[in-house]
Protein backbone atom coordinates (compact mmCIF):
# COMPACT_ATOMS: atom_id res chain seq x y z
CA UNK A 1 0.00 0.00 0.00
CA UNK A 2 1.29 3.46 -0.91
CA UNK A 3 -0.62 6.50 0.29
CA UNK A 4 0.74 10.03 0.43
CA UNK A 5 4.23 9.71 1.84
CA UNK A 6 3.51 6.43 3.65
CA UNK A 7 4.41 2.98 2.35
CA UNK A 8 3.50 -0.41 3.82
CA UNK A 9 4.13 -4.01 2.88
CA UNK A 10 7.33 -5.76 1.99
CA UNK A 11 7.08 -5.47 -1.81
CA UNK A 12 6.54 -1.70 -1.81
CA UNK A 13 9.24 -1.20 0.83
CA UNK A 14 11.70 -3.17 -1.32
CA UNK A 15 10.86 -1.09 -4.42
CA UNK A 16 11.30 2.22 -2.62
CA UNK A 17 14.43 1.04 -0.76
CA UNK A 18 16.06 0.06 -4.06
CA UNK A 19 15.36 3.53 -5.46
CA UNK A 20 16.65 5.26 -2.30
CA UNK A 21 13.37 7.09 -1.68
CA UNK A 22 12.71 5.94 1.90
CA UNK A 23 13.44 8.41 4.69
CA UNK A 24 12.57 6.13 7.61
CA UNK A 25 11.35 2.58 8.12
CA UNK A 26 9.86 0.75 11.09
CA UNK A 27 10.30 -3.03 11.19
CA UNK A 28 8.89 -5.55 13.66
CA UNK A 29 11.74 -7.31 15.47
CA UNK A 30 10.10 -10.68 14.78
CA UNK A 31 9.73 -10.11 11.02
CA UNK A 32 11.43 -12.97 9.19
CA UNK A 33 10.85 -13.23 5.45
CA UNK A 34 12.82 -15.32 2.99
CA UNK A 35 13.58 -13.82 -0.36
CA UNK A 36 15.91 -13.96 -3.32
CA UNK A 37 18.36 -11.61 -4.98
CA UNK A 38 19.12 -11.68 -8.70
CA UNK A 39 22.75 -12.28 -9.62
CA UNK A 40 22.24 -10.51 -12.97
CA UNK A 41 20.60 -7.20 -11.93
CA UNK A 42 20.85 -7.39 -8.10
CA UNK A 43 17.07 -6.97 -7.63
CA UNK A 44 15.67 -8.09 -4.27
CA UNK A 45 12.28 -9.80 -4.10
CA UNK A 46 10.09 -12.30 -2.27
CA UNK A 47 10.64 -15.94 -3.28
CA UNK A 48 10.16 -16.60 -6.98
CA UNK A 49 11.62 -18.67 -9.81
CA UNK A 50 12.53 -15.67 -11.98
CA UNK A 51 13.60 -12.09 -11.37
CA UNK A 52 10.70 -9.62 -11.59
CA UNK A 53 12.98 -6.99 -13.20
CA UNK A 54 15.07 -8.88 -15.78
CA UNK A 55 13.42 -12.34 -15.85
CA UNK A 56 16.72 -14.09 -15.04
CA UNK A 57 16.55 -17.41 -13.21
CA UNK A 58 19.99 -16.84 -11.65
CA UNK A 59 18.75 -16.10 -8.11
CA UNK A 60 20.14 -16.82 -4.65
CA UNK A 61 18.39 -17.02 -1.27
CA UNK A 62 18.59 -14.13 1.20
CA UNK A 63 16.88 -12.87 4.31
CA UNK A 64 14.71 -9.91 3.27
CA UNK A 65 15.13 -7.95 6.52
CA UNK A 66 18.95 -8.16 6.45
CA UNK A 67 19.04 -7.13 2.80
CA UNK A 68 16.64 -4.24 3.43
CA UNK A 69 18.71 -2.99 6.36
CA UNK A 70 21.78 -2.95 4.10
CA UNK A 71 19.91 -1.07 1.35
CA UNK A 72 18.41 1.42 3.79
CA UNK A 73 21.77 2.06 5.44
CA UNK A 74 23.34 2.81 2.05
CA UNK A 75 20.70 5.48 1.41
CA UNK A 76 20.99 6.92 4.96
CA UNK A 77 17.41 6.01 5.86
CA UNK A 78 16.48 5.86 9.53
CA UNK A 79 15.68 2.31 10.67
CA UNK A 80 13.62 1.57 13.78
CA UNK A 81 12.98 -1.92 15.12
CA UNK A 82 9.93 -2.32 17.33
CA UNK A 83 8.13 -4.89 19.41
CA UNK A 84 4.95 -6.36 17.99
CA UNK A 85 2.37 -3.68 17.16
CA UNK A 86 -1.00 -5.05 16.01
CA UNK A 87 -1.51 -2.35 13.37
CA UNK A 88 1.98 -2.84 11.95
CA UNK A 89 1.51 -6.62 11.83
CA UNK A 90 -1.66 -6.09 9.77
CA UNK A 91 0.42 -4.06 7.30
CA UNK A 92 2.98 -6.83 6.82
CA UNK A 93 5.25 -6.01 9.75
CA UNK A 94 6.99 -3.14 7.98
CA UNK A 95 6.18 0.45 7.02
CA UNK A 96 8.06 3.50 5.85
CA UNK A 97 7.95 7.20 5.10
CA UNK A 98 9.15 8.51 1.75
CA UNK A 99 11.59 11.37 1.30
CA UNK A 100 9.59 12.74 -1.64
C-alpha atoms as a PDB file:
ATOM      1  CA  UNK A   1       0.000   0.000   0.000  1.00  0.00           C
ATOM      2  CA  UNK A   2       1.291   3.457  -0.910  1.00  0.00           C
ATOM      3  CA  UNK A   3      -0.622   6.497   0.287  1.00  0.00           C
ATOM      4  CA  UNK A   4       0.739  10.027   0.426  1.00  0.00           C
ATOM      5  CA  UNK A   5       4.226   9.712   1.837  1.00  0.00           C
ATOM      6  CA  UNK A   6       3.515   6.431   3.653  1.00  0.00           C
ATOM      7  CA  UNK A   7       4.412   2.980   2.349  1.00  0.00           C
ATOM      8  CA  UNK A   8       3.496  -0.409   3.817  1.00  0.00           C
ATOM      9  CA  UNK A   9       4.128  -4.011   2.883  1.00  0.00           C
ATOM     10  CA  UNK A  10       7.331  -5.760   1.987  1.00  0.00           C
ATOM     11  CA  UNK A  11       7.075  -5.468  -1.806  1.00  0.00           C
ATOM     12  CA  UNK A  12       6.537  -1.696  -1.806  1.00  0.00           C
ATOM     13  CA  UNK A  13       9.238  -1.198   0.831  1.00  0.00           C
ATOM     14  CA  UNK A  14      11.698  -3.169  -1.325  1.00  0.00           C
ATOM     15  CA  UNK A  15      10.863  -1.090  -4.419  1.00  0.00           C
ATOM     16  CA  UNK A  16      11.304   2.221  -2.618  1.00  0.00           C
ATOM     17  CA  UNK A  17      14.426   1.042  -0.763  1.00  0.00           C
ATOM     18  CA  UNK A  18      16.056   0.060  -4.059  1.00  0.00           C
ATOM     19  CA  UNK A  19      15.364   3.533  -5.457  1.00  0.00           C
ATOM     20  CA  UNK A  20      16.654   5.264  -2.296  1.00  0.00           C
ATOM     21  CA  UNK A  21      13.373   7.094  -1.675  1.00  0.00           C
ATOM     22  CA  UNK A  22      12.706   5.942   1.903  1.00  0.00           C
ATOM     23  CA  UNK A  23      13.438   8.408   4.687  1.00  0.00           C
ATOM     24  CA  UNK A  24      12.574   6.126   7.610  1.00  0.00           C
ATOM     25  CA  UNK A  25      11.346   2.580   8.124  1.00  0.00           C
ATOM     26  CA  UNK A  26       9.860   0.747  11.089  1.00  0.00           C
ATOM     27  CA  UNK A  27      10.296  -3.033  11.194  1.00  0.00           C
ATOM     28  CA  UNK A  28       8.886  -5.551  13.655  1.00  0.00           C
ATOM     29  CA  UNK A  29      11.737  -7.314  15.465  1.00  0.00           C
ATOM     30  CA  UNK A  30      10.098 -10.677  14.778  1.00  0.00           C
ATOM     31  CA  UNK A  31       9.734 -10.114  11.025  1.00  0.00           C
ATOM     32  CA  UNK A  32      11.431 -12.967   9.190  1.00  0.00           C
ATOM     33  CA  UNK A  33      10.853 -13.227   5.452  1.00  0.00           C
ATOM     34  CA  UNK A  34      12.824 -15.317   2.988  1.00  0.00           C
ATOM     35  CA  UNK A  35      13.581 -13.822  -0.361  1.00  0.00           C
ATOM     36  CA  UNK A  36      15.907 -13.960  -3.319  1.00  0.00           C
ATOM     37  CA  UNK A  37      18.360 -11.612  -4.981  1.00  0.00           C
ATOM     38  CA  UNK A  38      19.119 -11.680  -8.700  1.00  0.00           C
ATOM     39  CA  UNK A  39      22.753 -12.283  -9.623  1.00  0.00           C
ATOM     40  CA  UNK A  40      22.236 -10.508 -12.967  1.00  0.00           C
ATOM     41  CA  UNK A  41      20.596  -7.195 -11.935  1.00  0.00           C
ATOM     42  CA  UNK A  42      20.850  -7.394  -8.096  1.00  0.00           C
ATOM     43  CA  UNK A  43      17.075  -6.967  -7.633  1.00  0.00           C
ATOM     44  CA  UNK A  44      15.672  -8.086  -4.266  1.00  0.00           C
ATOM     45  CA  UNK A  45      12.279  -9.802  -4.102  1.00  0.00           C
ATOM     46  CA  UNK A  46      10.088 -12.298  -2.275  1.00  0.00           C
ATOM     47  CA  UNK A  47      10.640 -15.943  -3.279  1.00  0.00           C
ATOM     48  CA  UNK A  48      10.162 -16.597  -6.980  1.00  0.00           C
ATOM     49  CA  UNK A  49      11.620 -18.668  -9.807  1.00  0.00           C
ATOM     50  CA  UNK A  50      12.527 -15.673 -11.976  1.00  0.00           C
ATOM     51  CA  UNK A  51      13.600 -12.087 -11.371  1.00  0.00           C
ATOM     52  CA  UNK A  52      10.705  -9.622 -11.592  1.00  0.00           C
ATOM     53  CA  UNK A  53      12.982  -6.995 -13.203  1.00  0.00           C
ATOM     54  CA  UNK A  54      15.067  -8.877 -15.776  1.00  0.00           C
ATOM     55  CA  UNK A  55      13.419 -12.342 -15.850  1.00  0.00           C
ATOM     56  CA  UNK A  56      16.720 -14.092 -15.036  1.00  0.00           C
ATOM     57  CA  UNK A  57      16.551 -17.405 -13.210  1.00  0.00           C
ATOM     58  CA  UNK A  58      19.994 -16.841 -11.647  1.00  0.00           C
ATOM     59  CA  UNK A  59      18.754 -16.096  -8.109  1.00  0.00           C
ATOM     60  CA  UNK A  60      20.142 -16.817  -4.650  1.00  0.00           C
ATOM     61  CA  UNK A  61      18.395 -17.017  -1.274  1.00  0.00           C
ATOM     62  CA  UNK A  62      18.591 -14.131   1.200  1.00  0.00           C
ATOM     63  CA  UNK A  63      16.875 -12.867   4.314  1.00  0.00           C
ATOM     64  CA  UNK A  64      14.713  -9.912   3.273  1.00  0.00           C
ATOM     65  CA  UNK A  65      15.133  -7.951   6.524  1.00  0.00           C
ATOM     66  CA  UNK A  66      18.949  -8.164   6.454  1.00  0.00           C
ATOM     67  CA  UNK A  67      19.038  -7.131   2.805  1.00  0.00           C
ATOM     68  CA  UNK A  68      16.640  -4.241   3.431  1.00  0.00           C
ATOM     69  CA  UNK A  69      18.713  -2.993   6.358  1.00  0.00           C
ATOM     70  CA  UNK A  70      21.777  -2.947   4.102  1.00  0.00           C
ATOM     71  CA  UNK A  71      19.907  -1.075   1.346  1.00  0.00           C
ATOM     72  CA  UNK A  72      18.409   1.417   3.790  1.00  0.00           C
ATOM     73  CA  UNK A  73      21.771   2.057   5.444  1.00  0.00           C
ATOM     74  CA  UNK A  74      23.340   2.811   2.049  1.00  0.00           C
ATOM     75  CA  UNK A  75      20.696   5.478   1.411  1.00  0.00           C
ATOM     76  CA  UNK A  76      20.990   6.924   4.964  1.00  0.00           C
ATOM     77  CA  UNK A  77      17.408   6.006   5.865  1.00  0.00           C
ATOM     78  CA  UNK A  78      16.481   5.861   9.529  1.00  0.00           C
ATOM     79  CA  UNK A  79      15.677   2.307  10.672  1.00  0.00           C
ATOM     80  CA  UNK A  80      13.625   1.568  13.778  1.00  0.00           C
ATOM     81  CA  UNK A  81      12.979  -1.924  15.124  1.00  0.00           C
ATOM     82  CA  UNK A  82       9.928  -2.324  17.332  1.00  0.00           C
ATOM     83  CA  UNK A  83       8.127  -4.892  19.410  1.00  0.00           C
ATOM     84  CA  UNK A  84       4.946  -6.356  17.989  1.00  0.00           C
ATOM     85  CA  UNK A  85       2.368  -3.682  17.165  1.00  0.00           C
ATOM     86  CA  UNK A  86      -0.999  -5.048  16.009  1.00  0.00           C
ATOM     87  CA  UNK A  87      -1.508  -2.350  13.366  1.00  0.00           C
ATOM     88  CA  UNK A  88       1.978  -2.836  11.948  1.00  0.00           C
ATOM     89  CA  UNK A  89       1.506  -6.615  11.832  1.00  0.00           C
ATOM     90  CA  UNK A  90      -1.662  -6.092   9.767  1.00  0.00           C
ATOM     91  CA  UNK A  91       0.424  -4.061   7.298  1.00  0.00           C
ATOM     92  CA  UNK A  92       2.982  -6.831   6.819  1.00  0.00           C
ATOM     93  CA  UNK A  93       5.255  -6.006   9.753  1.00  0.00           C
ATOM     94  CA  UNK A  94       6.994  -3.143   7.976  1.00  0.00           C
ATOM     95  CA  UNK A  95       6.176   0.446   7.024  1.00  0.00           C
ATOM     96  CA  UNK A  96       8.060   3.500   5.847  1.00  0.00           C
ATOM     97  CA  UNK A  97       7.951   7.200   5.104  1.00  0.00           C
ATOM     98  CA  UNK A  98       9.146   8.508   1.754  1.00  0.00           C
ATOM     99  CA  UNK A  99      11.587  11.369   1.303  1.00  0.00           C
ATOM    100  CA  UNK A 100       9.586  12.735  -1.636  1.00  0.00           C
END
